[in-house]
Amino acid sequence: MRIISGKFKARRIEVPHNITARPTTDFAKEGLFNLLNNHIDFEGIDVLDLFAGTGNIGLEFVSRGARSVICVELSGKHVAFIRKICKLLNVDNLTPIKGDVFKFISSTKIKFDLIFADPPYDLERLKEIPAFVFNNELLKSDGLLVLEHSEKNNFETHSHFSFHRKYGNVHFSFFRV
């Protein structure tokens, strides 16, 4: 795993073999962050990373100046890995939380500037994620939700859908408040 830009630019982090997450490819991540760079200022934003896996995306936001990042991940192994990397990099503004994403969304009172969700592509409830985020009012005004998904999903009819981008086999749908 590689951090593309910011204070940890070009930092490579070895991911252990027992981590089963499907990390966002470097190609897709680079495209995503180039696009986001034109839409938001990373400095001082509050980010929620859902289905965090290795913490790859959350760490990229921290590296680029996000004020705070909360990573929610169900796997205890993955959360332990994220904590280990935060300690290694001396990161104190990324909070890994072991838990179910849908329960976290239902219970948190925190609002975010940006929410990134990278669920397993075969997750039964994947299509519910945008509505769940907006119904629970997790985004600040002018906030952005980015949902990574496969080509099987199309969110263009969702009332908060803004646009879609594809990088190789990785699809990102963007939603605005």
C-alpha atoms as a PDB file:
ATOM      1  CA  MET A   1       0.000   0.000   0.000  1.00  0.00           C
ATOM      2  CA  ARG A   2       1.333   3.433  -0.924  1.00  0.00           C
ATOM      3  CA  ILE A   3       0.399   6.933   0.205  1.00  0.00           C
ATOM      4  CA  ILE A   4       0.259   9.133  -2.883  1.00  0.00           C
ATOM      5  CA  SER A   5       0.537  12.697  -1.616  1.00  0.00           C
ATOM      6  CA  GLY A   6       0.936  14.962   1.394  1.00  0.00           C
ATOM      7  CA  LYS A   7       3.210  14.648   4.394  1.00  0.00           C
ATOM      8  CA  PHE A   8       3.526  10.850   4.009  1.00  0.00           C
ATOM      9  CA  LYS A   9       3.952  11.031   0.215  1.00  0.00           C
ATOM     10  CA  ALA A  10       5.522   7.925  -1.371  1.00  0.00           C
ATOM     11  CA  ARG A  11       5.444   6.068   1.959  1.00  0.00           C
ATOM     12  CA  ARG A  12       4.979   2.345   1.355  1.00  0.00           C
ATOM     13  CA  ILE A  13       3.303   0.256   4.002  1.00  0.00           C
ATOM     14  CA  GLU A  14       3.542  -3.514   3.923  1.00  0.00           C
ATOM     15  CA  VAL A  15       0.135  -5.126   4.379  1.00  0.00           C
ATOM     16  CA  PRO A  16       0.258  -8.517   6.144  1.00  0.00           C
ATOM     17  CA  HIS A  17      -1.111 -11.567   4.346  1.00  0.00           C
ATOM     18  CA  ASN A  18      -3.820 -12.077   6.974  1.00  0.00           C
ATOM     19  CA  ILE A  19      -5.514  -8.831   5.898  1.00  0.00           C
ATOM     20  CA  THR A  20      -8.333  -9.856   3.574  1.00  0.00           C
ATOM     21  CA  ALA A  21      -9.559  -6.400   2.524  1.00  0.00           C
ATOM     22  CA  ARG A  22      -9.660  -5.466  -1.152  1.00  0.00           C
ATOM     23  CA  PRO A  23      -7.775  -2.161  -1.118  1.00  0.00           C
ATOM     24  CA  THR A  24      -8.600   0.528  -3.658  1.00  0.00           C
ATOM     25  CA  THR A  25      -6.001   0.235  -6.415  1.00  0.00           C
ATOM     26  CA  ASP A  26      -3.306   2.913  -6.659  1.00  0.00           C
ATOM     27  CA  PHE A  27      -4.614   3.819 -10.134  1.00  0.00           C
ATOM     28  CA  ALA A  28      -8.178   4.334  -8.866  1.00  0.00           C
ATOM     29  CA  LYS A  29      -7.015   6.079  -5.686  1.00  0.00           C
ATOM     30  CA  GLU A  30      -4.840   8.482  -7.651  1.00  0.00           C
ATOM     31  CA  GLY A  31      -7.715   9.285 -10.012  1.00  0.00           C
ATOM     32  CA  LEU A  32     -10.119   9.745  -7.107  1.00  0.00           C
ATOM     33  CA  PHE A  33      -7.842  12.105  -5.187  1.00  0.00           C
ATOM     34  CA  ASN A  34      -6.975  14.113  -8.306  1.00  0.00           C
ATOM     35  CA  LEU A  35     -10.699  14.592  -8.870  1.00  0.00           C
ATOM     36  CA  LEU A  36     -11.393  15.400  -5.189  1.00  0.00           C
ATOM     37  CA  ASN A  37      -8.570  17.939  -5.253  1.00  0.00           C
ATOM     38  CA  ASN A  38     -10.671  19.974  -7.719  1.00  0.00           C
ATOM     39  CA  HIS A  39     -13.795  19.824  -5.517  1.00  0.00           C
ATOM     40  CA  ILE A  40     -12.626  20.178  -1.919  1.00  0.00           C
ATOM     41  CA  ASP A  41      -9.840  21.578   0.206  1.00  0.00           C
ATOM     42  CA  PHE A  42      -8.450  18.699   2.262  1.00  0.00           C
ATOM     43  CA  GLU A  43      -6.988  21.010   4.884  1.00  0.00           C
ATOM     44  CA  GLY A  44      -9.086  20.882   8.045  1.00  0.00           C
ATOM     45  CA  ILE A  45     -11.908  18.609   6.887  1.00  0.00           C
ATOM     46  CA  ASP A  46     -13.568  15.876   8.955  1.00  0.00           C
ATOM     47  CA  VAL A  47     -13.720  12.539   7.139  1.00  0.00           C
ATOM     48  CA  LEU A  48     -15.570   9.287   7.747  1.00  0.00           C
ATOM     49  CA  ASP A  49     -14.087   6.188   6.082  1.00  0.00           C
ATOM     50  CA  LEU A  50     -16.646   3.365   6.036  1.00  0.00           C
ATOM     51  CA  PHE A  51     -15.549  -0.241   5.452  1.00  0.00           C
ATOM     52  CA  ALA A  52     -12.015   1.049   6.053  1.00  0.00           C
ATOM     53  CA  GLY A  53     -10.147  -2.211   5.370  1.00  0.00           C
ATOM     54  CA  THR A  54      -6.436  -1.365   5.615  1.00  0.00           C
ATOM     55  CA  GLY A  55      -7.066   2.317   6.383  1.00  0.00           C
ATOM     56  CA  ASN A  56      -5.506   3.189   3.029  1.00  0.00           C
ATOM     57  CA  ILE A  57      -8.019   5.932   2.142  1.00  0.00           C
ATOM     58  CA  GLY A  58      -8.199   7.369   5.659  1.00  0.00           C
ATOM     59  CA  LEU A  59      -4.406   7.640   5.818  1.00  0.00           C
ATOM     60  CA  GLU A  60      -4.382   9.405   2.450  1.00  0.00           C
ATOM     61  CA  PHE A  61      -6.785  12.019   3.863  1.00  0.00           C
ATOM     62  CA  VAL A  62      -4.623  12.448   6.988  1.00  0.00           C
ATOM     63  CA  SER A  63      -1.529  12.827   4.822  1.00  0.00           C
ATOM     64  CA  ARG A  64      -3.258  15.594   2.855  1.00  0.00           C
ATOM     65  CA  GLY A  65      -4.224  17.608   5.939  1.00  0.00           C
ATOM     66  CA  ALA A  66      -7.624  16.386   7.121  1.00  0.00           C
ATOM     67  CA  ARG A  67      -8.376  17.560  10.661  1.00  0.00           C
ATOM     68  CA  SER A  68      -9.888  14.226  11.674  1.00  0.00           C
ATOM     69  CA  VAL A  69     -10.619  10.842  10.154  1.00  0.00           C
ATOM     70  CA  ILE A  70     -12.791   8.135  11.658  1.00  0.00           C
ATOM     71  CA  CYS A  71     -12.335   4.686  10.103  1.00  0.00           C
ATOM     72  CA  VAL A  72     -15.095   2.151  10.734  1.00  0.00           C
ATOM     73  CA  GLU A  73     -14.211  -1.484  10.067  1.00  0.00           C
ATOM     74  CA  LEU A  74     -15.816  -4.720  11.247  1.00  0.00           C
ATOM     75  CA  SER A  75     -12.671  -6.875  11.213  1.00  0.00           C
ATOM     76  CA  GLY A  76     -10.627  -6.782  14.403  1.00  0.00           C
ATOM     77  CA  LYS A  77      -7.473  -7.762  12.447  1.00  0.00           C
ATOM     78  CA  HIS A  78      -7.926  -4.816  10.128  1.00  0.00           C
ATOM     79  CA  VAL A  79      -8.565  -2.360  12.971  1.00  0.00           C
ATOM     80  CA  ALA A  80      -5.433  -3.627  14.760  1.00  0.00           C
ATOM     81  CA  PHE A  81      -3.448  -3.077  11.544  1.00  0.00           C
ATOM     82  CA  ILE A  82      -4.784   0.499  11.200  1.00  0.00           C
ATOM     83  CA  ARG A  83      -3.840   1.229  14.833  1.00  0.00           C
ATOM     84  CA  LYS A  84      -0.342  -0.193  14.239  1.00  0.00           C
ATOM     85  CA  ILE A  85       0.176   2.025  11.163  1.00  0.00           C
ATOM     86  CA  CYS A  86      -1.082   5.113  13.030  1.00  0.00           C
ATOM     87  CA  LYS A  87       1.421   4.421  15.799  1.00  0.00           C
ATOM     88  CA  LEU A  88       4.214   3.837  13.253  1.00  0.00           C
ATOM     89  CA  LEU A  89       3.472   7.133  11.478  1.00  0.00           C
ATOM     90  CA  ASN A  90       2.721   9.004  14.710  1.00  0.00           C
ATOM     91  CA  VAL A  91      -0.806   9.827  13.503  1.00  0.00           C
ATOM     92  CA  ASP A  92      -3.128  11.026  16.257  1.00  0.00           C
ATOM     93  CA  ASN A  93      -6.046  12.378  14.221  1.00  0.00           C
ATOM     94  CA  LEU A  94      -7.227   9.064  12.757  1.00  0.00           C
ATOM     95  CA  THR A  95      -9.571   7.048  14.966  1.00  0.00           C
ATOM     96  CA  PRO A  96     -10.178   3.410  14.003  1.00  0.00           C
ATOM     97  CA  ILE A  97     -13.469   1.997  15.276  1.00  0.00           C
ATOM     98  CA  LYS A  98     -14.244  -1.718  15.234  1.00  0.00           C
ATOM     99  CA  GLY A  99     -17.909  -2.038  14.439  1.00  0.00           C
ATOM    100  CA  ASP A 100     -20.744  -2.495  12.009  1.00  0.00           C
ATOM    101  CA  VAL A 101     -20.979   0.423   9.584  1.00  0.00           C
ATOM    102  CA  PHE A 102     -24.784   0.538   9.607  1.00  0.00           C
ATOM    103  CA  LYS A 103     -24.928   0.588  13.416  1.00  0.00           C
ATOM    104  CA  PHE A 104     -22.291   3.346  13.491  1.00  0.00           C
ATOM    105  CA  ILE A 105     -24.240   5.437  10.970  1.00  0.00           C
ATOM    106  CA  SER A 106     -27.428   5.011  13.024  1.00  0.00           C
ATOM    107  CA  SER A 107     -25.830   5.974  16.320  1.00  0.00           C
ATOM    108  CA  THR A 108     -23.288   8.717  15.613  1.00  0.00           C
ATOM    109  CA  LYS A 109     -24.154  12.375  16.069  1.00  0.00           C
ATOM    110  CA  ILE A 110     -20.970  13.567  14.336  1.00  0.00           C
ATOM    111  CA  LYS A 111     -21.265  15.353  10.992  1.00  0.00           C
ATOM    112  CA  PHE A 112     -18.604  15.060   8.297  1.00  0.00           C
ATOM    113  CA  ASP A 113     -17.362  17.103   5.350  1.00  0.00           C
ATOM    114  CA  LEU A 114     -16.653  13.948   3.376  1.00  0.00           C
ATOM    115  CA  ILE A 115     -17.709  10.323   3.725  1.00  0.00           C
ATOM    116  CA  PHE A 116     -15.935   7.618   1.758  1.00  0.00           C
ATOM    117  CA  ALA A 117     -17.505   4.147   1.606  1.00  0.00           C
ATOM    118  CA  ASP A 118     -15.764   1.144   0.079  1.00  0.00           C
ATOM    119  CA  PRO A 119     -18.030  -1.787   0.932  1.00  0.00           C
ATOM    120  CA  PRO A 120     -17.449  -5.320  -0.328  1.00  0.00           C
ATOM    121  CA  TYR A 121     -18.818  -5.281  -3.869  1.00  0.00           C
ATOM    122  CA  ASP A 122     -21.116  -8.203  -3.064  1.00  0.00           C
ATOM    123  CA  LEU A 123     -22.556  -6.616   0.106  1.00  0.00           C
ATOM    124  CA  GLU A 124     -26.334  -7.165   0.075  1.00  0.00           C
ATOM    125  CA  ARG A 125     -27.021  -3.725   1.550  1.00  0.00           C
ATOM    126  CA  LEU A 126     -24.637  -1.793  -0.747  1.00  0.00           C
ATOM    127  CA  LYS A 127     -27.478  -0.012  -2.549  1.00  0.00           C
ATOM    128  CA  GLU A 128     -28.853   1.224   0.798  1.00  0.00           C
ATOM    129  CA  ILE A 129     -25.707   3.124   1.780  1.00  0.00           C
ATOM    130  CA  PRO A 130     -26.483   6.528   0.176  1.00  0.00           C
ATOM    131  CA  ALA A 131     -30.021   6.655   1.579  1.00  0.00           C
ATOM    132  CA  PHE A 132     -28.775   5.511   4.986  1.00  0.00           C
ATOM    133  CA  VAL A 133     -26.129   8.266   5.095  1.00  0.00           C
ATOM    134  CA  PHE A 134     -28.575  10.996   4.016  1.00  0.00           C
ATOM    135  CA  ASN A 135     -31.465   9.801   6.211  1.00  0.00           C
ATOM    136  CA  ASN A 136     -29.156   9.951   9.237  1.00  0.00           C
ATOM    137  CA  GLU A 137     -27.905  13.420   8.202  1.00  0.00           C
ATOM    138  CA  LEU A 138     -24.200  12.629   8.571  1.00  0.00           C
ATOM    139  CA  LEU A 139     -22.937  15.219   6.099  1.00  0.00           C
ATOM    140  CA  LYS A 140     -22.327  18.877   6.822  1.00  0.00           C
ATOM    141  CA  SER A 141     -23.834  21.409   4.415  1.00  0.00           C
ATOM    142  CA  ASP A 142     -22.107  21.016   1.043  1.00  0.00           C
ATOM    143  CA  GLY A 143     -20.765  17.645   2.247  1.00  0.00           C
ATOM    144  CA  LEU A 144     -19.785  14.892  -0.153  1.00  0.00           C
ATOM    145  CA  LEU A 145     -20.368  11.138  -0.099  1.00  0.00           C
ATOM    146  CA  VAL A 146     -18.133   8.985  -2.306  1.00  0.00           C
ATOM    147  CA  LEU A 147     -19.211   5.378  -2.801  1.00  0.00           C
ATOM    148  CA  GLU A 148     -16.885   2.848  -4.412  1.00  0.00           C
ATOM    149  CA  HIS A 149     -18.653   0.017  -6.219  1.00  0.00           C
ATOM    150  CA  SER A 150     -18.559  -2.334  -9.188  1.00  0.00           C
ATOM    151  CA  GLU A 151     -20.124  -1.794 -12.598  1.00  0.00           C
ATOM    152  CA  LYS A 152     -23.208  -3.730 -11.422  1.00  0.00           C
ATOM    153  CA  ASN A 153     -24.439  -0.708  -9.479  1.00  0.00           C
ATOM    154  CA  ASN A 154     -25.969   2.482 -10.825  1.00  0.00           C
ATOM    155  CA  PHE A 155     -27.010   5.310  -8.511  1.00  0.00           C
ATOM    156  CA  GLU A 156     -27.959   7.962 -11.087  1.00  0.00           C
ATOM    157  CA  THR A 157     -31.609   8.029  -9.970  1.00  0.00           C
ATOM    158  CA  HIS A 158     -30.765   8.739  -6.316  1.00  0.00           C
ATOM    159  CA  SER A 159     -31.933  12.236  -5.351  1.00  0.00           C
ATOM    160  CA  HIS A 160     -28.478  13.249  -4.052  1.00  0.00           C
ATOM    161  CA  PHE A 161     -26.480  11.722  -6.923  1.00  0.00           C
ATOM    162  CA  SER A 162     -24.043  14.204  -8.445  1.00  0.00           C
ATOM    163  CA  PHE A 163     -21.723  12.336 -10.841  1.00  0.00           C
ATOM    164  CA  HIS A 164     -19.893   9.080 -11.531  1.00  0.00           C
ATOM    165  CA  ARG A 165     -16.303   8.228 -12.483  1.00  0.00           C
ATOM    166  CA  LYS A 166     -14.649   4.990 -13.523  1.00  0.00           C
ATOM    167  CA  TYR A 167     -10.974   4.090 -13.098  1.00  0.00           C
ATOM    168  CA  GLY A 168     -10.302   0.673 -14.588  1.00  0.00           C
ATOM    169  CA  ASN A 169     -12.795  -1.708 -12.963  1.00  0.00           C
ATOM    170  CA  VAL A 170     -13.395   0.633 -10.025  1.00  0.00           C
ATOM    171  CA  HIS A 171     -16.468   2.872 -10.040  1.00  0.00           C
ATOM    172  CA  PHE A 172     -17.073   5.873  -7.800  1.00  0.00           C
ATOM    173  CA  SER A 173     -20.458   7.534  -7.386  1.00  0.00           C
ATOM    174  CA  PHE A 174     -20.534  10.999  -5.836  1.00  0.00           C
ATOM    175  CA  PHE A 175     -23.445  12.394  -3.849  1.00  0.00           C
ATOM    176  CA  ARG A 176     -23.979  15.923  -2.481  1.00  0.00           C
ATOM    177  CA  VAL A 177     -26.214  17.287   0.242  1.00  0.00           C
END
